[in-house]
PDB file of N, CA and C in Angstrom:
ATOM      1  N   MET A   1      76.254 107.350  37.702  1.00  0.00           N
ATOM      2  CA  MET A   1      75.951 108.176  36.536  1.00  0.00           C
ATOM      3  C   MET A   1      75.286 107.296  35.472  1.00  0.00           C
ATOM      4  N   ALA A   2      74.237 107.773  34.878  1.00  0.00           N
ATOM      5  CA  ALA A   2      73.493 107.017  33.871  1.00  0.00           C
ATOM      6  C   ALA A   2      74.296 106.908  32.578  1.00  0.00           C
ATOM      7  N   ALA A   3      74.220 105.736  31.959  1.00  0.00           N
ATOM      8  CA  ALA A   3      74.874 105.560  30.665  1.00  0.00           C
ATOM      9  C   ALA A   3      74.129 106.373  29.618  1.00  0.00           C
ATOM     10  N   HIS A   4      74.881 106.915  28.673  1.00  0.00           N
ATOM     11  CA  HIS A   4      74.235 107.670  27.608  1.00  0.00           C
ATOM     12  C   HIS A   4      74.896 107.367  26.274  1.00  0.00           C
ATOM     13  N   ARG A   5      74.159 107.660  25.208  1.00  0.00           N
ATOM     14  CA  ARG A   5      74.613 107.361  23.853  1.00  0.00           C
ATOM     15  C   ARG A   5      74.362 108.585  22.989  1.00  0.00           C
ATOM     16  N   HIS A   6      75.366 108.969  22.185  1.00  0.00           N
ATOM     17  CA  HIS A   6      75.242 110.130  21.300  1.00  0.00           C
ATOM     18  C   HIS A   6      74.651 109.718  19.954  1.00  0.00           C
ATOM     19  N   GLN A   7      73.862 110.610  19.364  1.00  0.00           N
ATOM     20  CA  GLN A   7      73.284 110.392  18.035  1.00  0.00           C
ATOM     21  C   GLN A   7      73.549 111.658  17.235  1.00  0.00           C
ATOM     22  N   SER A   8      74.506 111.606  16.324  1.00  0.00           N
ATOM     23  CA  SER A   8      74.881 112.817  15.594  1.00  0.00           C
ATOM     24  C   SER A   8      74.237 112.919  14.216  1.00  0.00           C
ATOM     25  N   SER A   9      73.400 111.954  13.834  1.00  0.00           N
ATOM     26  CA  SER A   9      72.799 112.005  12.494  1.00  0.00           C
ATOM     27  C   SER A   9      71.869 113.202  12.328  1.00  0.00           C
ATOM     28  N   LEU A  10      71.410 113.796  13.418  1.00  0.00           N
ATOM     29  CA  LEU A  10      70.526 114.964  13.339  1.00  0.00           C
ATOM     30  C   LEU A  10      71.294 116.280  13.481  1.00  0.00           C
ATOM     31  N   ARG A  11      72.620 116.223  13.593  1.00  0.00           N
ATOM     32  CA  ARG A  11      73.407 117.446  13.770  1.00  0.00           C
ATOM     33  C   ARG A  11      73.130 118.426  12.630  1.00  0.00           C
ATOM     34  N   GLY A  12      72.798 119.658  13.003  1.00  0.00           N
ATOM     35  CA  GLY A  12      72.554 120.703  12.019  1.00  0.00           C
ATOM     36  C   GLY A  12      71.121 120.811  11.536  1.00  0.00           C
ATOM     37  N   VAL A  13      70.262 119.860  11.900  1.00  0.00           N
ATOM     38  CA  VAL A  13      68.860 119.904  11.471  1.00  0.00           C
ATOM     39  C   VAL A  13      68.156 121.070  12.164  1.00  0.00           C
ATOM     40  N   ARG A  14      67.354 121.810  11.398  1.00  0.00           N
ATOM     41  CA  ARG A  14      66.575 122.917  11.978  1.00  0.00           C
ATOM     42  C   ARG A  14      65.533 122.329  12.928  1.00  0.00           C
ATOM     43  N   ALA A  15      65.448 122.919  14.120  1.00  0.00           N
ATOM     44  CA  ALA A  15      64.531 122.444  15.151  1.00  0.00           C
ATOM     45  C   ALA A  15      63.836 123.634  15.798  1.00  0.00           C
ATOM     46  N   THR A  16      62.511 123.551  15.896  1.00  0.00           N
ATOM     47  CA  THR A  16      61.724 124.615  16.518  1.00  0.00           C
ATOM     48  C   THR A  16      60.977 124.029  17.710  1.00  0.00           C
ATOM     49  N   PRO A  17      61.221 124.556  18.915  1.00  0.00           N
ATOM     50  CA  PRO A  17      60.524 124.051  20.094  1.00  0.00           C
ATOM     51  C   PRO A  17      59.012 124.278  20.012  1.00  0.00           C
ATOM     52  N   LYS A  18      58.268 123.243  20.376  1.00  0.00           N
ATOM     53  CA  LYS A  18      56.806 123.305  20.374  1.00  0.00           C
ATOM     54  C   LYS A  18      56.303 123.960  21.665  1.00  0.00           C
ATOM     55  N   SER A  19      55.163 124.615  21.565  1.00  0.00           N
ATOM     56  CA  SER A  19      54.508 125.192  22.733  1.00  0.00           C
ATOM     57  C   SER A  19      53.968 124.059  23.605  1.00  0.00           C
ATOM     58  N   LYS A  20      54.095 124.213  24.900  1.00  0.00           N
ATOM     59  CA  LYS A  20      53.586 123.227  25.857  1.00  0.00           C
ATOM     60  C   LYS A  20      52.793 123.958  26.929  1.00  0.00           C
ATOM     61  N   PRO A  21      51.839 123.274  27.562  1.00  0.00           N
ATOM     62  CA  PRO A  21      51.025 123.936  28.593  1.00  0.00           C
ATOM     63  C   PRO A  21      51.854 124.330  29.816  1.00  0.00           C
ATOM     64  N   GLU A  22      51.388 125.351  30.532  1.00  0.00           N
ATOM     65  CA  GLU A  22      52.028 125.753  31.793  1.00  0.00           C
ATOM     66  C   GLU A  22      52.120 124.530  32.690  1.00  0.00           C
ATOM     67  N   GLY A  23      53.204 124.418  33.395  1.00  0.00           N
ATOM     68  CA  GLY A  23      53.374 123.295  34.303  1.00  0.00           C
ATOM     69  C   GLY A  23      53.964 122.055  33.654  1.00  0.00           C
ATOM     70  N   TYR A  24      54.206 122.109  32.338  1.00  0.00           N
ATOM     71  CA  TYR A  24      54.821 120.969  31.649  1.00  0.00           C
ATOM     72  C   TYR A  24      56.184 120.722  32.297  1.00  0.00           C
ATOM     73  N   PRO A  25      56.418 119.528  32.844  1.00  0.00           N
ATOM     74  CA  PRO A  25      57.609 119.298  33.667  1.00  0.00           C
ATOM     75  C   PRO A  25      58.952 119.391  32.942  1.00  0.00           C
ATOM     76  N   SER A  26      58.973 119.249  31.640  1.00  0.00           N
ATOM     77  CA  SER A  26      60.242 119.292  30.903  1.00  0.00           C
ATOM     78  C   SER A  26      60.617 120.690  30.429  1.00  0.00           C
ATOM     79  N   TYR A  27      59.774 121.687  30.705  1.00  0.00           N
ATOM     80  CA  TYR A  27      60.060 123.060  30.275  1.00  0.00           C
ATOM     81  C   TYR A  27      60.268 123.963  31.479  1.00  0.00           C
ATOM     82  N   GLY A  28      61.394 124.655  31.479  1.00  0.00           N
ATOM     83  CA  GLY A  28      61.651 125.699  32.451  1.00  0.00           C
ATOM     84  C   GLY A  28      61.535 127.043  31.740  1.00  0.00           C
ATOM     85  N   PRO A  29      61.872 128.129  32.418  1.00  0.00           N
ATOM     86  CA  PRO A  29      61.775 129.464  31.808  1.00  0.00           C
ATOM     87  C   PRO A  29      62.587 129.600  30.516  1.00  0.00           C
ATOM     88  N   MET A  30      63.780 129.014  30.471  1.00  0.00           N
ATOM     89  CA  MET A  30      64.609 129.131  29.268  1.00  0.00           C
ATOM     90  C   MET A  30      63.977 128.366  28.106  1.00  0.00           C
ATOM     91  N   ASN A  31      63.407 127.189  28.367  1.00  0.00           N
ATOM     92  CA  ASN A  31      62.738 126.436  27.302  1.00  0.00           C
ATOM     93  C   ASN A  31      61.582 127.243  26.728  1.00  0.00           C
ATOM     94  N   ARG A  32      60.808 127.861  27.594  1.00  0.00           N
ATOM     95  CA  ARG A  32      59.650 128.652  27.146  1.00  0.00           C
ATOM     96  C   ARG A  32      60.083 129.876  26.346  1.00  0.00           C
ATOM     97  N   ARG A  33      61.193 130.456  26.691  1.00  0.00           N
ATOM     98  CA  ARG A  33      61.682 131.656  25.999  1.00  0.00           C
ATOM     99  C   ARG A  33      61.891 131.403  24.501  1.00  0.00           C
ATOM    100  N   TYR A  34      62.286 130.191  24.139  1.00  0.00           N
ATOM    101  CA  TYR A  34      62.620 129.893  22.745  1.00  0.00           C
ATOM    102  C   TYR A  34      61.513 129.157  21.984  1.00  0.00           C
ATOM    103  N   VAL A  35      60.342 128.977  22.579  1.00  0.00           N
ATOM    104  CA  VAL A  35      59.221 128.328  21.886  1.00  0.00           C
ATOM    105  C   VAL A  35      58.920 129.088  20.596  1.00  0.00           C
ATOM    106  N   GLY A  36      58.817 128.346  19.499  1.00  0.00           N
ATOM    107  CA  GLY A  36      58.490 128.937  18.206  1.00  0.00           C
ATOM    108  C   GLY A  36      59.665 129.549  17.471  1.00  0.00           C
ATOM    109  N   MET A  37      60.842 129.580  18.099  1.00  0.00           N
ATOM    110  CA  MET A  37      62.028 130.157  17.459  1.00  0.00           C
ATOM    111  C   MET A  37      62.878 129.028  16.873  1.00  0.00           C
ATOM    112  N   PRO A  38      63.229 129.128  15.594  1.00  0.00           N
ATOM    113  CA  PRO A  38      64.044 128.061  15.007  1.00  0.00           C
ATOM    114  C   PRO A  38      65.487 128.112  15.488  1.00  0.00           C
ATOM    115  N   GLY A  39      66.018 126.939  15.716  1.00  0.00           N
ATOM    116  CA  GLY A  39      67.425 126.763  16.054  1.00  0.00           C
ATOM    117  C   GLY A  39      67.943 125.570  15.276  1.00  0.00           C
ATOM    118  N   HIS A  40      69.110 125.077  15.640  1.00  0.00           N
ATOM    119  CA  HIS A  40      69.682 123.909  14.978  1.00  0.00           C
ATOM    120  C   HIS A  40      70.217 122.943  16.024  1.00  0.00           C
ATOM    121  N   ILE A  41      70.021 121.664  15.772  1.00  0.00           N
ATOM    122  CA  ILE A  41      70.497 120.632  16.689  1.00  0.00           C
ATOM    123  C   ILE A  41      72.016 120.535  16.609  1.00  0.00           C
ATOM    124  N   HIS A  42      72.643 120.549  17.772  1.00  0.00           N
ATOM    125  CA  HIS A  42      74.085 120.341  17.861  1.00  0.00           C
ATOM    126  C   HIS A  42      74.388 118.869  18.103  1.00  0.00           C
ATOM    127  N   GLU A  43      73.595 118.240  18.934  1.00  0.00           N
ATOM    128  CA  GLU A  43      73.731 116.804  19.156  1.00  0.00           C
ATOM    129  C   GLU A  43      72.490 116.289  19.865  1.00  0.00           C
ATOM    130  N   VAL A  44      72.336 114.978  19.822  1.00  0.00           N
ATOM    131  CA  VAL A  44      71.254 114.304  20.536  1.00  0.00           C
ATOM    132  C   VAL A  44      71.902 113.233  21.402  1.00  0.00           C
ATOM    133  N   VAL A  45      71.506 113.199  22.664  1.00  0.00           N
ATOM    134  CA  VAL A  45      72.028 112.214  23.602  1.00  0.00           C
ATOM    135  C   VAL A  45      70.845 111.428  24.152  1.00  0.00           C
ATOM    136  N   GLU A  46      70.992 110.117  24.220  1.00  0.00           N
ATOM    137  CA  GLU A  46      69.950 109.285  24.812  1.00  0.00           C
ATOM    138  C   GLU A  46      70.373 108.913  26.222  1.00  0.00           C
ATOM    139  N   ILE A  47      69.531 109.268  27.195  1.00  0.00           N
ATOM    140  CA  ILE A  47      69.798 108.966  28.595  1.00  0.00           C
ATOM    141  C   ILE A  47      68.557 108.305  29.177  1.00  0.00           C
ATOM    142  N   GLU A  48      68.744 107.110  29.703  1.00  0.00           N
ATOM    143  CA  GLU A  48      67.643 106.354  30.305  1.00  0.00           C
ATOM    144  C   GLU A  48      66.425 106.287  29.390  1.00  0.00           C
ATOM    145  N   GLY A  49      66.662 106.071  28.105  1.00  0.00           N
ATOM    146  CA  GLY A  49      65.585 105.907  27.134  1.00  0.00           C
ATOM    147  C   GLY A  49      64.976 107.192  26.611  1.00  0.00           C
ATOM    148  N   LYS A  50      65.424 108.342  27.111  1.00  0.00           N
ATOM    149  CA  LYS A  50      64.908 109.633  26.637  1.00  0.00           C
ATOM    150  C   LYS A  50      65.948 110.277  25.729  1.00  0.00           C
ATOM    151  N   ARG A  51      65.476 110.797  24.588  1.00  0.00           N
ATOM    152  CA  ARG A  51      66.381 111.467  23.643  1.00  0.00           C
ATOM    153  C   ARG A  51      66.338 112.970  23.898  1.00  0.00           C
ATOM    154  N   LEU A  52      67.480 113.514  24.315  1.00  0.00           N
ATOM    155  CA  LEU A  52      67.622 114.910  24.675  1.00  0.00           C
ATOM    156  C   LEU A  52      68.442 115.619  23.604  1.00  0.00           C
ATOM    157  N   ALA A  53      67.883 116.689  23.033  1.00  0.00           N
ATOM    158  CA  ALA A  53      68.554 117.433  21.964  1.00  0.00           C
ATOM    159  C   ALA A  53      69.162 118.715  22.518  1.00  0.00           C
ATOM    160  N   LYS A  54      70.397 118.966  22.128  1.00  0.00           N
ATOM    161  CA  LYS A  54      71.093 120.208  22.449  1.00  0.00           C
ATOM    162  C   LYS A  54      70.857 121.132  21.259  1.00  0.00           C
ATOM    163  N   VAL A  55      70.080 122.214  21.467  1.00  0.00           N
ATOM    164  CA  VAL A  55      69.668 123.093  20.371  1.00  0.00           C
ATOM    165  C   VAL A  55      70.338 124.454  20.530  1.00  0.00           C
ATOM    166  N   GLY A  56      70.995 124.915  19.462  1.00  0.00           N
ATOM    167  CA  GLY A  56      71.629 126.227  19.453  1.00  0.00           C
ATOM    168  C   GLY A  56      70.771 127.218  18.684  1.00  0.00           C
ATOM    169  N   PHE A  57      70.688 128.439  19.203  1.00  0.00           N
ATOM    170  CA  PHE A  57      69.882 129.490  18.584  1.00  0.00           C
ATOM    171  C   PHE A  57      70.786 130.606  18.073  1.00  0.00           C
ATOM    172  N   ASP A  58      70.230 131.496  17.237  1.00  0.00           N
ATOM    173  CA  ASP A  58      71.018 132.553  16.604  1.00  0.00           C
ATOM    174  C   ASP A  58      71.713 133.478  17.594  1.00  0.00           C
ATOM    175  N   ASP A  59      71.167 133.606  18.801  1.00  0.00           N
ATOM    176  CA  ASP A  59      71.819 134.458  19.803  1.00  0.00           C
ATOM    177  C   ASP A  59      72.929 133.710  20.548  1.00  0.00           C
ATOM    178  N   ARG A  60      73.266 132.515  20.043  1.00  0.00           N
ATOM    179  CA  ARG A  60      74.337 131.665  20.550  1.00  0.00           C
ATOM    180  C   ARG A  60      74.005 130.988  21.878  1.00  0.00           C
ATOM    181  N   LYS A  61      72.740 131.015  22.270  1.00  0.00           N
ATOM    182  CA  LYS A  61      72.314 130.288  23.467  1.00  0.00           C
ATOM    183  C   LYS A  61      72.095 128.827  23.099  1.00  0.00           C
ATOM    184  N   ILE A  62      72.402 127.953  24.029  1.00  0.00           N
ATOM    185  CA  ILE A  62      72.167 126.521  23.887  1.00  0.00           C
ATOM    186  C   ILE A  62      71.100 126.140  24.909  1.00  0.00           C
ATOM    187  N   VAL A  63      70.063 125.451  24.456  1.00  0.00           N
ATOM    188  CA  VAL A  63      68.978 125.021  25.339  1.00  0.00           C
ATOM    189  C   VAL A  63      68.703 123.548  25.039  1.00  0.00           C
ATOM    190  N   TYR A  64      68.468 122.772  26.072  1.00  0.00           N
ATOM    191  CA  TYR A  64      68.184 121.351  25.913  1.00  0.00           C
ATOM    192  C   TYR A  64      66.680 121.112  25.901  1.00  0.00           C
ATOM    193  N   TYR A  65      66.247 120.250  24.974  1.00  0.00           N
ATOM    194  CA  TYR A  65      64.838 119.868  24.839  1.00  0.00           C
ATOM    195  C   TYR A  65      64.761 118.365  24.630  1.00  0.00           C
ATOM    196  N   LEU A  66      63.654 117.769  25.069  1.00  0.00           N
ATOM    197  CA  LEU A  66      63.377 116.403  24.656  1.00  0.00           C
ATOM    198  C   LEU A  66      63.149 116.437  23.148  1.00  0.00           C
ATOM    199  N   LEU A  67      63.682 115.471  22.439  1.00  0.00           N
ATOM    200  CA  LEU A  67      63.561 115.460  20.983  1.00  0.00           C
ATOM    201  C   LEU A  67      62.097 115.501  20.553  1.00  0.00           C
ATOM    202  N   ASP A  68      61.224 114.849  21.302  1.00  0.00           N
ATOM    203  CA  ASP A  68      59.794 114.838  20.969  1.00  0.00           C
ATOM    204  C   ASP A  68      59.139 116.210  21.117  1.00  0.00           C
ATOM    205  N   ASP A  69      59.785 117.134  21.807  1.00  0.00           N
ATOM    206  CA  ASP A  69      59.236 118.481  22.009  1.00  0.00           C
ATOM    207  C   ASP A  69      59.677 119.461  20.925  1.00  0.00           C
ATOM    208  N   LEU A  70      60.314 118.941  19.876  1.00  0.00           N
ATOM    209  CA  LEU A  70      60.816 119.784  18.787  1.00  0.00           C
ATOM    210  C   LEU A  70      60.131 119.437  17.472  1.00  0.00           C
ATOM    211  N   GLU A  71      59.873 120.453  16.676  1.00  0.00           N
ATOM    212  CA  GLU A  71      59.422 120.250  15.300  1.00  0.00           C
ATOM    213  C   GLU A  71      60.683 120.305  14.444  1.00  0.00           C
ATOM    214  N   LEU A  72      60.970 119.208  13.735  1.00  0.00           N
ATOM    215  CA  LEU A  72      62.197 119.116  12.943  1.00  0.00           C
ATOM    216  C   LEU A  72      61.923 119.403  11.477  1.00  0.00           C
ATOM    217  N   ASP A  73      62.829 120.120  10.841  1.00  0.00           N
ATOM    218  CA  ASP A  73      62.739 120.416   9.409  1.00  0.00           C
ATOM    219  C   ASP A  73      64.036 119.951   8.768  1.00  0.00           C
ATOM    220  N   GLU A  74      64.049 118.679   8.360  1.00  0.00           N
ATOM    221  CA  GLU A  74      65.260 118.115   7.773  1.00  0.00           C
ATOM    222  C   GLU A  74      65.495 118.606   6.353  1.00  0.00           C
ATOM    223  N   SER A  75      64.503 119.300   5.762  1.00  0.00           N
ATOM    224  CA  SER A  75      64.675 119.813   4.399  1.00  0.00           C
ATOM    225  C   SER A  75      65.414 121.152   4.391  1.00  0.00           C
ATOM    226  N   ALA A  76      65.486 121.819   5.554  1.00  0.00           N
ATOM    227  CA  ALA A  76      66.177 123.117   5.630  1.00  0.00           C
ATOM    228  C   ALA A  76      67.686 122.905   5.548  1.00  0.00           C
ATOM    229  N   GLN A  77      68.396 123.952   5.196  1.00  0.00           N
ATOM    230  CA  GLN A  77      69.855 123.875   5.141  1.00  0.00           C
ATOM    231  C   GLN A  77      70.388 123.524   6.526  1.00  0.00           C
ATOM    232  N   ARG A  78      71.250 122.524   6.576  1.00  0.00           N
ATOM    233  CA  ARG A  78      71.818 122.100   7.852  1.00  0.00           C
ATOM    234  C   ARG A  78      72.962 123.017   8.252  1.00  0.00           C
ATOM    235  N   GLY A  79      73.146 123.145   9.531  1.00  0.00           N
ATOM    236  CA  GLY A  79      74.281 123.909  10.027  1.00  0.00           C
ATOM    237  C   GLY A  79      74.023 124.426  11.423  1.00  0.00           C
ATOM    238  N   THR A  80      75.105 124.776  12.099  1.00  0.00           N
ATOM    239  CA  THR A  80      75.032 125.393  13.417  1.00  0.00           C
ATOM    240  C   THR A  80      75.813 126.685  13.346  1.00  0.00           C
ATOM    241  N   PHE A  81      75.779 127.490  14.406  1.00  0.00           N
ATOM    242  CA  PHE A  81      76.531 128.738  14.350  1.00  0.00           C
ATOM    243  C   PHE A  81      78.019 128.475  14.228  1.00  0.00           C
ATOM    244  N   HIS A  82      78.501 127.319  14.642  1.00  0.00           N
ATOM    245  CA  HIS A  82      79.915 126.986  14.466  1.00  0.00           C
ATOM    246  C   HIS A  82      80.265 126.896  12.982  1.00  0.00           C
ATOM    247  N   ASP A  83      79.369 126.314  12.200  1.00  0.00           N
ATOM    248  CA  ASP A  83      79.606 126.167  10.764  1.00  0.00           C
ATOM    249  C   ASP A  83      79.642 127.521  10.076  1.00  0.00           C
ATOM    250  N   ARG A  84      78.780 128.445  10.494  1.00  0.00           N
ATOM    251  CA  ARG A  84      78.713 129.767   9.864  1.00  0.00           C
ATOM    252  C   ARG A  84      79.911 130.638  10.212  1.00  0.00           C
ATOM    253  N   GLU A  85      80.572 130.350  11.326  1.00  0.00           N
ATOM    254  CA  GLU A  85      81.731 131.147  11.723  1.00  0.00           C
ATOM    255  C   GLU A  85      82.928 130.896  10.827  1.00  0.00           C
ATOM    256  N   GLY A  86      82.947 129.739  10.164  1.00  0.00           N
ATOM    257  CA  GLY A  86      84.101 129.412   9.338  1.00  0.00           C
ATOM    258  C   GLY A  86      85.340 129.175  10.178  1.00  0.00           C
ATOM    259  N   SER A  87      85.136 128.716  11.414  1.00  0.00           N
ATOM    260  CA  SER A  87      86.250 128.547  12.344  1.00  0.00           C
ATOM    261  C   SER A  87      87.023 127.263  12.108  1.00  0.00           C
ATOM    262  N   GLY A  88      86.487 126.412  11.238  1.00  0.00           N
ATOM    263  CA  GLY A  88      87.144 125.134  11.029  1.00  0.00           C
ATOM    264  C   GLY A  88      86.792 124.128  12.116  1.00  0.00           C
ATOM    265  N   ALA A  89      85.940 124.543  13.057  1.00  0.00           N
ATOM    266  CA  ALA A  89      85.576 123.659  14.159  1.00  0.00           C
ATOM    267  C   ALA A  89      84.421 122.736  13.801  1.00  0.00           C
ATOM    268  N   ALA A  90      83.785 122.945  12.662  1.00  0.00           N
ATOM    269  CA  ALA A  90      82.647 122.114  12.273  1.00  0.00           C
ATOM    270  C   ALA A  90      83.088 120.668  12.179  1.00  0.00           C
ATOM    271  N   GLY A  91      82.292 119.810  12.771  1.00  0.00           N
ATOM    272  CA  GLY A  91      82.598 118.389  12.723  1.00  0.00           C
ATOM    273  C   GLY A  91      83.676 117.972  13.702  1.00  0.00           C
ATOM    274  N   ALA A  92      84.184 118.908  14.496  1.00  0.00           N
ATOM    275  CA  ALA A  92      85.252 118.586  15.427  1.00  0.00           C
ATOM    276  C   ALA A  92      84.739 117.898  16.684  1.00  0.00           C
ATOM    277  N   GLU A  93      83.419 117.775  16.811  1.00  0.00           N
ATOM    278  CA  GLU A  93      82.848 117.169  18.021  1.00  0.00           C
ATOM    279  C   GLU A  93      83.015 115.683  17.993  1.00  0.00           C
TER     280      GLU A  93
END
């Protein structure tokens, strides 16, 4: 199993997946479905030198993207759907 490292400094940052050409190897049908839709980063994991972002969307779906395939808006209000629920689970990761 490959070693990996978590990066939580981007947790809650608004992230919008960028459009990529057909056949782009890092995009499957689910990645394409959310192109142009804003979500929020839940966490970033580095595996074998690639930074992979776990992005949550308003419909509560989680989709993984390479960090470079996302447009980040660090000026937007940070948060994930966990934070909006008021469940007390925010920051429990």
